[in-house]
Amino acid sequence: MSLLKETKRLLSTCKITPRKRLGQNFLVDDEILHRMISYASLSDDVVLEIGAGLGFLTEQLAENAKQVIAVEIDPTLVGILKDRLRNYKNITILQGDVMKISVPSFDKVVSTPPYSISSPLLFWLLEKDFKRAVLTFQEEFARRLAASAGSKDYGRLTVATYYRAEVELLDSVPREMFWPPPEVNSAIVRLRPREPPFFVKDEVVFFEVVQVLFTQKNKKLRNAIIPFFSKFRIPRKKALELADALPFHYRRARELMPEEIGLTANELVKRMRELDLFERECNV
């Protein structure tokens, strides 16, 4: 029986109507599942799957990995998973939001997570210790992960991901390969965590600068960075002096390479320390 027919049968038998709010679009193309597993290069690994759904990918992961941790937020689907996969001794099924529950350590991630949690999930994942992740994301979101500086898709997400991992855009996944079909196509993305490719003096400041700049990415850096100074209660005239002393102050935020944003953040840290502004903020 094809995965599409099996999906419709299970949903009908269990009287389940896929919920858009939970991003319940089930991948029903066996070839794509095989490719995802191949891209993950599984062997003696503990694999995390986020949004296990009806368990088609889970089952194939169990046949290729040492252990599978399958997380699913919908209790009805958890019931189906436990029934369908009861004969697999190397699958642990957890119910809940993966970003809120306690998840055992894992080596790799292979999953088709709901579109609605793509951004927070990615930031959550980049803080974890893992070897590789193969994920299916909305195509537009996937492009943002690997965008070039100055392009329309370039932004905070691009810089944050680049700082933590190497990104590869692999295959396009047409919307018709899901049931029910989502509104847009998807893409398979592979992430390989790495040491940051450039030095930053203070990661908290760096990520604050990234967020501030891309909130106003079409402005020149000297103007886009001004909101960063607001929490230090620096008069606007002084803030502009500091901004004008920064490297690349004359360029637009969206044109800056991640490394250039790093240099900007480092110069900010240097000048703020010279003025004891970090210490003053802590004493406010």
Protein backbone atom coordinates (compact mmCIF):
# COMPACT_ATOMS: atom_id res chain seq x y z
CA MET A 1 0.00 0.00 0.00
CA SER A 2 1.34 3.46 -0.89
CA LEU A 3 2.09 5.92 1.89
CA LEU A 4 -0.67 8.19 0.61
CA LYS A 5 -3.27 5.42 0.82
CA GLU A 6 -1.99 4.33 4.22
CA THR A 7 -2.14 7.93 5.47
CA LYS A 8 -5.74 8.35 4.32
CA ARG A 9 -6.67 4.97 5.80
CA LEU A 10 -5.17 5.76 9.22
CA LEU A 11 -6.71 9.22 9.35
CA SER A 12 -10.11 7.85 8.36
CA THR A 13 -9.97 4.87 10.75
CA CYS A 14 -8.95 7.05 13.68
CA LYS A 15 -11.35 9.84 12.66
CA ILE A 16 -8.54 12.40 12.49
CA THR A 17 -8.80 15.66 10.59
CA PRO A 18 -5.30 17.10 10.04
CA ARG A 19 -4.93 20.34 11.99
CA LYS A 20 -3.38 23.26 10.16
CA ARG A 21 -2.45 24.92 13.47
CA LEU A 22 -0.17 21.99 14.27
CA GLY A 23 1.27 21.85 10.76
CA GLN A 24 -0.12 18.37 10.16
CA ASN A 25 0.94 17.78 6.57
CA PHE A 26 2.23 14.22 6.32
CA LEU A 27 5.10 13.38 3.96
CA VAL A 28 3.83 10.53 1.77
CA ASP A 29 6.68 10.03 -0.70
CA ASP A 30 8.83 7.01 0.14
CA GLU A 31 11.71 8.18 -2.06
CA ILE A 32 12.05 11.45 -0.15
CA LEU A 33 12.15 9.55 3.15
CA HIS A 34 14.94 7.35 1.81
CA ARG A 35 16.89 10.41 0.64
CA MET A 36 16.63 12.11 4.02
CA ILE A 37 18.00 9.02 5.74
CA SER A 38 20.79 8.75 3.18
CA TYR A 39 21.76 12.41 3.67
CA ALA A 40 22.04 11.82 7.43
CA SER A 41 24.60 9.00 6.95
CA LEU A 42 23.18 6.98 9.83
CA SER A 43 25.05 4.19 11.57
CA ASP A 44 25.44 3.72 15.32
CA ASP A 45 23.51 6.93 16.04
CA VAL A 46 20.80 8.17 18.35
CA VAL A 47 18.42 10.11 16.10
CA LEU A 48 15.89 12.74 17.10
CA GLU A 49 12.72 13.10 15.04
CA ILE A 50 10.58 16.18 15.67
CA GLY A 51 6.92 15.82 14.73
CA ALA A 52 6.78 12.07 14.17
CA GLY A 53 3.22 12.18 12.82
CA LEU A 54 2.08 8.75 11.66
CA GLY A 55 5.53 7.21 12.02
CA PHE A 56 6.55 6.49 8.42
CA LEU A 57 9.92 8.21 8.78
CA THR A 58 10.24 6.93 12.35
CA GLU A 59 9.99 3.35 11.16
CA GLN A 60 12.68 3.77 8.53
CA LEU A 61 14.94 5.57 11.00
CA ALA A 62 14.60 2.66 13.43
CA GLU A 63 15.81 0.29 10.73
CA ASN A 64 18.92 2.38 10.09
CA ALA A 65 19.94 3.83 13.47
CA LYS A 66 20.85 2.57 16.92
CA GLN A 67 18.06 4.47 18.68
CA VAL A 68 15.24 6.83 17.68
CA ILE A 69 13.70 9.51 19.90
CA ALA A 70 10.36 10.39 18.29
CA VAL A 71 8.65 13.53 19.61
CA GLU A 72 5.01 14.27 18.80
CA ILE A 73 2.81 16.94 20.36
CA ASP A 74 -0.60 15.52 19.33
CA PRO A 75 -1.78 12.87 21.85
CA THR A 76 -3.97 11.16 19.24
CA LEU A 77 -0.99 10.69 16.92
CA VAL A 78 1.10 9.49 19.86
CA GLY A 79 -1.45 6.72 20.32
CA ILE A 80 -1.12 5.73 16.67
CA LEU A 81 2.68 5.79 16.90
CA LYS A 82 2.73 3.54 19.95
CA ASP A 83 0.43 1.07 18.24
CA ARG A 84 2.12 1.04 14.83
CA LEU A 85 5.67 0.92 16.20
CA ARG A 86 5.14 -1.35 19.21
CA ASN A 87 7.46 -4.04 17.81
CA TYR A 88 10.46 -1.71 17.56
CA LYS A 89 12.54 -1.87 20.74
CA ASN A 90 14.84 0.99 19.68
CA ILE A 91 12.15 3.70 19.49
CA THR A 92 11.34 6.05 22.38
CA ILE A 93 8.15 8.05 21.86
CA LEU A 94 7.76 11.33 23.75
CA GLN A 95 4.65 13.49 23.82
CA GLY A 96 4.94 17.26 23.98
CA ASP A 97 6.62 20.34 22.55
CA VAL A 98 10.23 19.37 21.82
CA MET A 99 11.43 22.80 22.95
CA LYS A 100 9.72 22.50 26.34
CA ILE A 101 10.07 18.86 27.37
CA SER A 102 13.19 17.05 28.53
CA VAL A 103 14.81 15.38 25.51
CA PRO A 104 17.63 12.83 25.95
CA SER A 105 20.92 13.55 24.22
CA PHE A 106 21.07 12.70 20.53
CA ASP A 107 23.66 12.47 17.75
CA LYS A 108 21.63 13.46 14.70
CA VAL A 109 18.28 14.95 13.74
CA VAL A 110 16.11 13.77 10.84
CA SER A 111 12.59 15.14 10.58
CA THR A 112 9.90 17.12 8.79
CA PRO A 113 8.93 19.57 11.53
CA PRO A 114 5.80 21.76 11.31
CA TYR A 115 6.40 24.97 9.35
CA SER A 116 4.98 27.02 12.22
CA ILE A 117 7.90 26.24 14.54
CA SER A 118 10.73 26.41 11.99
CA SER A 119 12.44 29.55 13.30
CA PRO A 120 12.29 28.89 17.08
CA LEU A 121 13.13 25.23 16.47
CA LEU A 122 16.23 26.16 14.49
CA PHE A 123 17.50 28.53 17.20
CA TRP A 124 16.77 25.84 19.82
CA LEU A 125 18.62 23.22 17.80
CA LEU A 126 21.69 25.38 17.17
CA GLU A 127 22.24 25.55 20.93
CA LYS A 128 22.38 21.73 21.15
CA ASP A 129 25.29 19.37 20.74
CA PHE A 130 24.73 17.21 17.66
CA LYS A 131 26.65 15.98 14.60
CA ARG A 132 24.22 16.56 11.74
CA ALA A 133 20.61 17.47 11.01
CA VAL A 134 18.54 16.73 7.92
CA LEU A 135 15.30 18.72 7.97
CA THR A 136 12.49 19.53 5.58
CA PHE A 137 11.52 23.19 5.73
CA GLN A 138 9.28 25.51 3.77
CA GLU A 139 11.26 26.42 0.63
CA GLU A 140 11.34 30.15 1.38
CA PHE A 141 12.60 29.50 4.91
CA ALA A 142 15.28 27.15 3.55
CA ARG A 143 16.51 29.86 1.16
CA ARG A 144 16.85 32.29 4.04
CA LEU A 145 19.21 29.90 5.83
CA ALA A 146 21.74 29.99 2.99
CA ALA A 147 21.13 33.45 1.51
CA SER A 148 23.92 35.73 0.30
CA ALA A 149 24.52 39.16 1.81
CA GLY A 150 22.47 41.79 0.01
CA SER A 151 19.86 39.35 -1.31
CA LYS A 152 16.18 39.67 -0.39
CA ASP A 153 16.32 36.47 1.70
CA TYR A 154 19.35 37.58 3.73
CA GLY A 155 18.65 38.40 7.36
CA ARG A 156 19.04 37.61 11.05
CA LEU A 157 18.28 33.93 10.48
CA THR A 158 21.04 33.68 7.85
CA VAL A 159 23.69 35.25 10.06
CA ALA A 160 22.76 33.30 13.19
CA THR A 161 22.79 30.00 11.28
CA TYR A 162 26.06 30.79 9.47
CA TYR A 163 27.72 31.51 12.82
CA ARG A 164 26.78 28.09 14.20
CA ALA A 165 26.62 25.69 11.25
CA GLU A 166 27.33 24.90 7.64
CA VAL A 167 24.12 24.84 5.58
CA GLU A 168 23.39 22.83 2.45
CA LEU A 169 20.20 23.10 0.42
CA LEU A 170 19.63 19.65 -1.05
CA ASP A 171 16.39 18.61 -2.75
CA SER A 172 13.21 20.50 -3.51
CA VAL A 173 10.08 18.72 -2.24
CA PRO A 174 6.91 19.57 -4.20
CA ARG A 175 3.82 20.26 -2.10
CA GLU A 176 2.06 17.28 -3.72
CA MET A 177 4.37 14.95 -1.80
CA PHE A 178 2.49 15.79 1.41
CA TRP A 179 -1.03 14.98 2.52
CA PRO A 180 -2.88 17.20 2.78
CA PRO A 181 -0.70 19.33 0.47
CA PRO A 182 0.59 22.53 2.11
CA GLU A 183 0.31 25.83 0.26
CA VAL A 184 3.98 25.95 -0.75
CA ASN A 185 6.84 23.65 -1.71
CA SER A 186 9.49 22.46 0.73
CA ALA A 187 13.23 21.78 0.61
CA ILE A 188 15.56 19.38 2.38
CA VAL A 189 18.28 21.14 4.36
CA ARG A 190 21.38 19.63 5.93
CA LEU A 191 23.07 21.35 8.88
CA ARG A 192 26.55 20.51 10.16
CA PRO A 193 27.45 22.28 13.42
CA ARG A 194 30.88 23.90 13.51
CA GLU A 195 33.02 26.26 15.52
CA PRO A 196 32.19 29.90 14.66
CA PRO A 197 34.09 30.90 11.48
CA PHE A 198 35.04 34.28 12.94
CA PHE A 199 35.86 35.67 16.38
CA VAL A 200 33.44 37.73 18.47
CA LYS A 201 34.36 39.24 21.83
CA ASP A 202 30.88 38.93 23.31
CA GLU A 203 28.26 36.62 21.78
CA VAL A 204 25.38 38.31 23.62
CA VAL A 205 26.32 41.67 22.10
CA PHE A 206 26.89 40.09 18.69
CA PHE A 207 23.41 38.57 18.54
CA GLU A 208 21.85 41.79 19.88
CA VAL A 209 23.58 43.71 17.09
CA VAL A 210 22.37 41.18 14.51
CA GLN A 211 18.79 41.56 15.73
CA VAL A 212 18.91 45.36 15.80
CA LEU A 213 20.49 45.67 12.36
CA PHE A 214 18.04 43.40 10.61
CA THR A 215 15.06 45.10 12.20
CA GLN A 216 16.05 48.06 9.99
CA LYS A 217 18.14 46.28 7.39
CA ASN A 218 17.64 48.87 4.62
CA LYS A 219 19.12 51.68 6.71
CA LYS A 220 22.80 52.52 6.80
CA LEU A 221 24.58 50.95 9.75
CA ARG A 222 25.08 54.31 11.54
CA ASN A 223 21.30 54.75 11.71
CA ALA A 224 20.27 51.11 12.11
CA ILE A 225 22.49 50.64 15.18
CA ILE A 226 21.06 53.58 17.18
CA PRO A 227 18.36 51.49 18.97
CA PHE A 228 21.18 49.34 20.43
CA PHE A 229 22.29 52.31 22.52
CA SER A 230 18.84 53.03 23.96
CA LYS A 231 19.14 50.71 26.96
CA PHE A 232 22.35 52.51 27.98
CA ARG A 233 20.52 55.85 28.08
CA ILE A 234 23.10 57.44 25.81
CA PRO A 235 22.08 60.84 24.38
CA ARG A 236 21.38 60.66 20.66
CA LYS A 237 24.29 62.97 19.81
CA LYS A 238 26.75 60.70 21.64
CA ALA A 239 25.13 57.58 20.12
CA LEU A 240 25.65 59.02 16.64
CA GLU A 241 29.31 59.73 17.45
CA LEU A 242 29.78 56.13 18.51
CA ALA A 243 27.92 54.88 15.43
CA ASP A 244 30.03 57.00 13.09
CA ALA A 245 33.19 55.52 14.61
CA LEU A 246 32.16 51.99 13.70
CA PRO A 247 33.59 50.17 10.69
CA PHE A 248 31.19 49.96 7.73
CA HIS A 249 28.98 52.71 9.24
CA TYR A 250 28.26 54.05 5.74
CA ARG A 251 26.93 50.75 4.38
CA ARG A 252 23.42 49.34 4.61
CA ALA A 253 22.85 46.62 7.19
CA ARG A 254 21.60 44.11 4.60
CA GLU A 255 24.88 44.43 2.67
CA LEU A 256 27.14 43.40 5.54
CA MET A 257 28.70 39.95 5.56
CA PRO A 258 28.40 38.01 8.84
CA GLU A 259 32.13 38.55 9.42
CA GLU A 260 31.68 42.31 9.01
CA ILE A 261 28.83 42.31 11.52
CA GLY A 262 31.17 40.46 13.86
CA LEU A 263 33.83 43.14 13.46
CA THR A 264 31.20 45.81 14.11
CA ALA A 265 30.06 44.07 17.29
CA ASN A 266 33.67 43.72 18.47
CA GLU A 267 34.31 47.44 17.96
CA LEU A 268 31.12 48.22 19.87
CA VAL A 269 32.26 46.06 22.78
CA LYS A 270 35.63 47.80 22.81
CA ARG A 271 34.16 51.31 22.84
CA MET A 272 31.43 50.50 25.34
CA ARG A 273 34.00 49.04 27.72
CA GLU A 274 36.18 52.12 27.37
CA LEU A 275 33.18 54.18 28.49
CA ASP A 276 32.27 51.69 31.26
CA LEU A 277 28.79 51.47 29.76
CA PHE A 278 28.35 47.76 30.38
CA GLU A 279 29.10 48.26 34.08
CA ARG A 280 26.67 51.19 34.27
CA GLU A 281 23.90 49.12 32.72
CA CYS A 282 24.37 46.43 35.37
CA ASN A 283 24.13 49.04 38.12
CA VAL A 284 20.98 50.74 36.79
